[in-house]
């Protein structure tokens, strides 16, 4: 689905959040790869489950056509600084929900980009009859957990020893959801 772009100006950084376009595919491939290498909060290490330009083009086309999917990008100048995606399924028993994922380049942390991608996704879901948004977050990502809680998400469960990080230790994944009746 496509939404109208919204402009933000936070701490002297102007940016626009808009629906992804096919022309964004190459940049998204590069940004996703960089984000994966900048934090262990993602499921992937840098280079794992790589999505190339052609695959991103296909994802963007499918998300644009699907009323249950939303692919947003945050543009700072000519650069993509972050992205989010809500992905739903057409199966009748779970068609009421989408899964949310987000990634922001480290140099753009602290400008509300992740928060605004989340808020726009929530608004889209509420306006389009999506009843539930789910997400997974690493237990150590306390800022993200607080952001989600402050936006109506609740902890629904914990996947124990779910992620093996570079320190050789296992960490829990927190499963969160927001239900909008």
Protein backbone atom coordinates (compact mmCIF):
# COMPACT_ATOMS: atom_id res chain seq x y z
CA UNK A 1 0.00 0.00 0.00
CA UNK A 2 1.12 3.57 -0.59
CA UNK A 3 0.72 6.40 1.91
CA UNK A 4 1.23 10.14 1.61
CA UNK A 5 4.72 11.38 2.54
CA UNK A 6 5.22 13.33 5.77
CA UNK A 7 8.06 15.75 6.45
CA UNK A 8 9.80 16.08 9.80
CA UNK A 9 12.38 18.51 11.15
CA UNK A 10 14.11 17.24 14.28
CA UNK A 11 17.29 18.74 15.77
CA UNK A 12 18.12 20.61 12.54
CA UNK A 13 17.73 17.47 10.41
CA UNK A 14 14.88 17.62 7.89
CA UNK A 15 13.63 14.27 6.62
CA UNK A 16 10.70 12.74 4.79
CA UNK A 17 9.01 9.43 5.47
CA UNK A 18 7.28 8.01 2.43
CA UNK A 19 6.34 4.78 0.76
CA UNK A 20 9.21 2.91 -0.87
CA UNK A 21 9.50 3.22 -4.66
CA UNK A 22 11.08 0.77 -7.10
CA UNK A 23 13.85 3.35 -7.67
CA UNK A 24 14.86 2.89 -3.99
CA UNK A 25 15.78 -0.78 -4.45
CA UNK A 26 19.56 -0.42 -4.84
CA UNK A 27 19.83 2.07 -1.98
CA UNK A 28 17.71 -0.15 0.26
CA UNK A 29 19.97 -3.11 -0.47
CA UNK A 30 23.01 -1.08 0.63
CA UNK A 31 21.30 0.47 3.67
CA UNK A 32 20.03 -2.90 4.93
CA UNK A 33 23.51 -4.37 4.61
CA UNK A 34 25.02 -1.44 6.52
CA UNK A 35 22.37 -1.52 9.27
CA UNK A 36 22.99 -5.24 9.80
CA UNK A 37 26.67 -4.51 10.38
CA UNK A 38 26.13 -1.60 12.78
CA UNK A 39 24.16 -3.31 15.53
CA UNK A 40 23.45 -6.72 16.94
CA UNK A 41 19.79 -5.77 17.43
CA UNK A 42 18.96 -7.23 14.02
CA UNK A 43 18.45 -10.94 13.34
CA UNK A 44 21.17 -10.98 10.68
CA UNK A 45 24.89 -10.44 10.68
CA UNK A 46 26.21 -8.23 7.88
CA UNK A 47 25.81 -10.03 4.56
CA UNK A 48 23.44 -12.75 5.79
CA UNK A 49 20.14 -13.19 3.93
CA UNK A 50 21.33 -10.52 1.52
CA UNK A 51 18.60 -8.89 -0.58
CA UNK A 52 19.86 -7.51 -3.87
CA UNK A 53 18.35 -4.74 -6.00
CA UNK A 54 16.17 -7.11 -8.07
CA UNK A 55 14.73 -8.76 -4.95
CA UNK A 56 14.03 -5.38 -3.33
CA UNK A 57 12.24 -4.26 -6.49
CA UNK A 58 9.99 -7.32 -6.25
CA UNK A 59 9.30 -6.72 -2.54
CA UNK A 60 8.42 -3.07 -3.20
CA UNK A 61 6.08 -4.00 -6.06
CA UNK A 62 4.33 -6.65 -3.94
CA UNK A 63 4.06 -4.32 -0.92
CA UNK A 64 2.68 -1.51 -3.08
CA UNK A 65 -0.02 -3.79 -4.47
CA UNK A 66 -0.92 -5.49 -1.18
CA UNK A 67 -3.41 -3.78 1.15
CA UNK A 68 -1.83 -5.72 4.05
CA UNK A 69 1.77 -4.58 3.51
CA UNK A 70 3.46 -1.23 4.02
CA UNK A 71 7.08 -0.46 3.13
CA UNK A 72 8.30 2.95 4.32
CA UNK A 73 11.62 4.71 3.83
CA UNK A 74 13.08 7.70 5.60
CA UNK A 75 14.88 10.04 3.24
CA UNK A 76 17.40 12.62 4.46
CA UNK A 77 18.34 14.72 1.47
CA UNK A 78 18.99 12.18 -1.26
CA UNK A 79 19.92 9.38 1.18
CA UNK A 80 17.81 6.64 2.69
CA UNK A 81 18.51 6.80 6.42
CA UNK A 82 16.11 4.07 7.49
CA UNK A 83 13.16 1.93 6.57
CA UNK A 84 10.32 -0.05 8.08
CA UNK A 85 8.04 -2.72 6.82
CA UNK A 86 4.72 -4.16 7.89
CA UNK A 87 4.02 -7.53 6.37
CA UNK A 88 0.68 -9.27 6.54
CA UNK A 89 -0.65 -12.58 5.28
CA UNK A 90 -3.84 -13.29 3.33
CA UNK A 91 -4.74 -16.38 5.37
CA UNK A 92 -8.17 -15.66 6.88
CA UNK A 93 -7.25 -16.61 10.45
CA UNK A 94 -4.29 -14.22 10.58
CA UNK A 95 -5.28 -11.59 7.99
CA UNK A 96 -6.06 -9.14 10.80
CA UNK A 97 -2.38 -8.71 11.77
CA UNK A 98 0.97 -7.56 10.41
CA UNK A 99 4.55 -7.96 11.58
CA UNK A 100 6.60 -4.76 11.96
CA UNK A 101 10.33 -4.47 11.39
CA UNK A 102 12.57 -1.40 11.29
CA UNK A 103 16.17 -0.43 10.60
CA UNK A 104 17.90 2.95 10.88
CA UNK A 105 21.50 3.81 10.02
CA UNK A 106 23.50 4.45 13.19
CA UNK A 107 24.52 7.97 12.16
CA UNK A 108 20.81 8.89 12.20
CA UNK A 109 19.94 7.45 15.62
CA UNK A 110 18.44 10.03 17.99
CA UNK A 111 16.40 11.93 15.39
CA UNK A 112 13.10 10.16 15.99
CA UNK A 113 13.26 8.28 12.70
CA UNK A 114 12.44 4.88 14.19
CA UNK A 115 9.70 6.43 16.33
CA UNK A 116 8.13 8.21 13.36
CA UNK A 117 8.32 5.12 11.14
CA UNK A 118 6.52 3.23 13.92
CA UNK A 119 3.88 5.94 14.43
CA UNK A 120 3.15 6.15 10.71
CA UNK A 121 2.85 2.37 10.54
CA UNK A 122 0.45 2.35 13.49
CA UNK A 123 -1.65 5.10 11.91
CA UNK A 124 -1.74 3.16 8.62
CA UNK A 125 -2.75 -0.04 10.41
CA UNK A 126 -5.50 1.66 12.41
CA UNK A 127 -6.85 3.42 9.29
CA UNK A 128 -6.89 0.21 7.26
CA UNK A 129 -8.57 -2.27 9.59
CA UNK A 130 -5.39 -3.98 10.73
CA UNK A 131 -6.18 -5.09 14.28
CA UNK A 132 -2.79 -6.27 15.48
CA UNK A 133 0.85 -5.35 14.95
CA UNK A 134 3.49 -7.77 16.22
CA UNK A 135 7.25 -7.45 16.49
CA UNK A 136 10.31 -9.08 18.00
CA UNK A 137 13.00 -7.13 19.86
CA UNK A 138 16.25 -8.17 21.51
CA UNK A 139 16.01 -8.04 25.33
CA UNK A 140 19.01 -5.67 25.55
CA UNK A 141 17.41 -3.09 23.26
CA UNK A 142 15.79 -1.24 26.15
CA UNK A 143 15.19 2.01 24.22
CA UNK A 144 13.21 0.16 21.57
CA UNK A 145 11.22 -1.78 24.18
CA UNK A 146 10.27 1.50 25.91
CA UNK A 147 9.35 3.08 22.56
CA UNK A 148 7.07 0.17 21.76
CA UNK A 149 5.48 0.19 25.23
CA UNK A 150 4.90 3.95 24.94
CA UNK A 151 3.05 3.31 21.69
CA UNK A 152 0.62 0.71 23.00
CA UNK A 153 2.63 -2.49 22.62
CA UNK A 154 2.65 -5.11 25.36
CA UNK A 155 5.06 -7.93 26.04
CA UNK A 156 3.32 -11.11 24.91
CA UNK A 157 6.13 -13.50 25.58
CA UNK A 158 9.84 -14.16 25.73
CA UNK A 159 11.81 -16.55 23.56
CA UNK A 160 14.52 -17.76 25.91
CA UNK A 161 18.14 -18.00 24.70
CA UNK A 162 16.94 -17.08 21.23
CA UNK A 163 19.92 -15.16 19.81
CA UNK A 164 23.64 -15.94 19.94
CA UNK A 165 25.62 -12.70 19.85
CA UNK A 166 29.29 -11.96 19.22
CA UNK A 167 30.15 -12.17 22.94
CA UNK A 168 29.31 -15.89 22.80
CA UNK A 169 26.25 -15.48 25.05
CA UNK A 170 22.62 -16.27 24.31
CA UNK A 171 19.99 -13.56 24.67
CA UNK A 172 16.21 -13.55 24.87
CA UNK A 173 13.89 -12.16 22.23
CA UNK A 174 10.91 -10.20 23.52
CA UNK A 175 7.72 -10.76 21.54
CA UNK A 176 5.46 -7.70 21.61
CA UNK A 177 2.06 -6.89 20.18
CA UNK A 178 -0.39 -4.01 19.90
CA UNK A 179 -4.07 -4.82 19.48
CA UNK A 180 -6.46 -2.15 18.20
CA UNK A 181 -10.09 -3.33 18.51
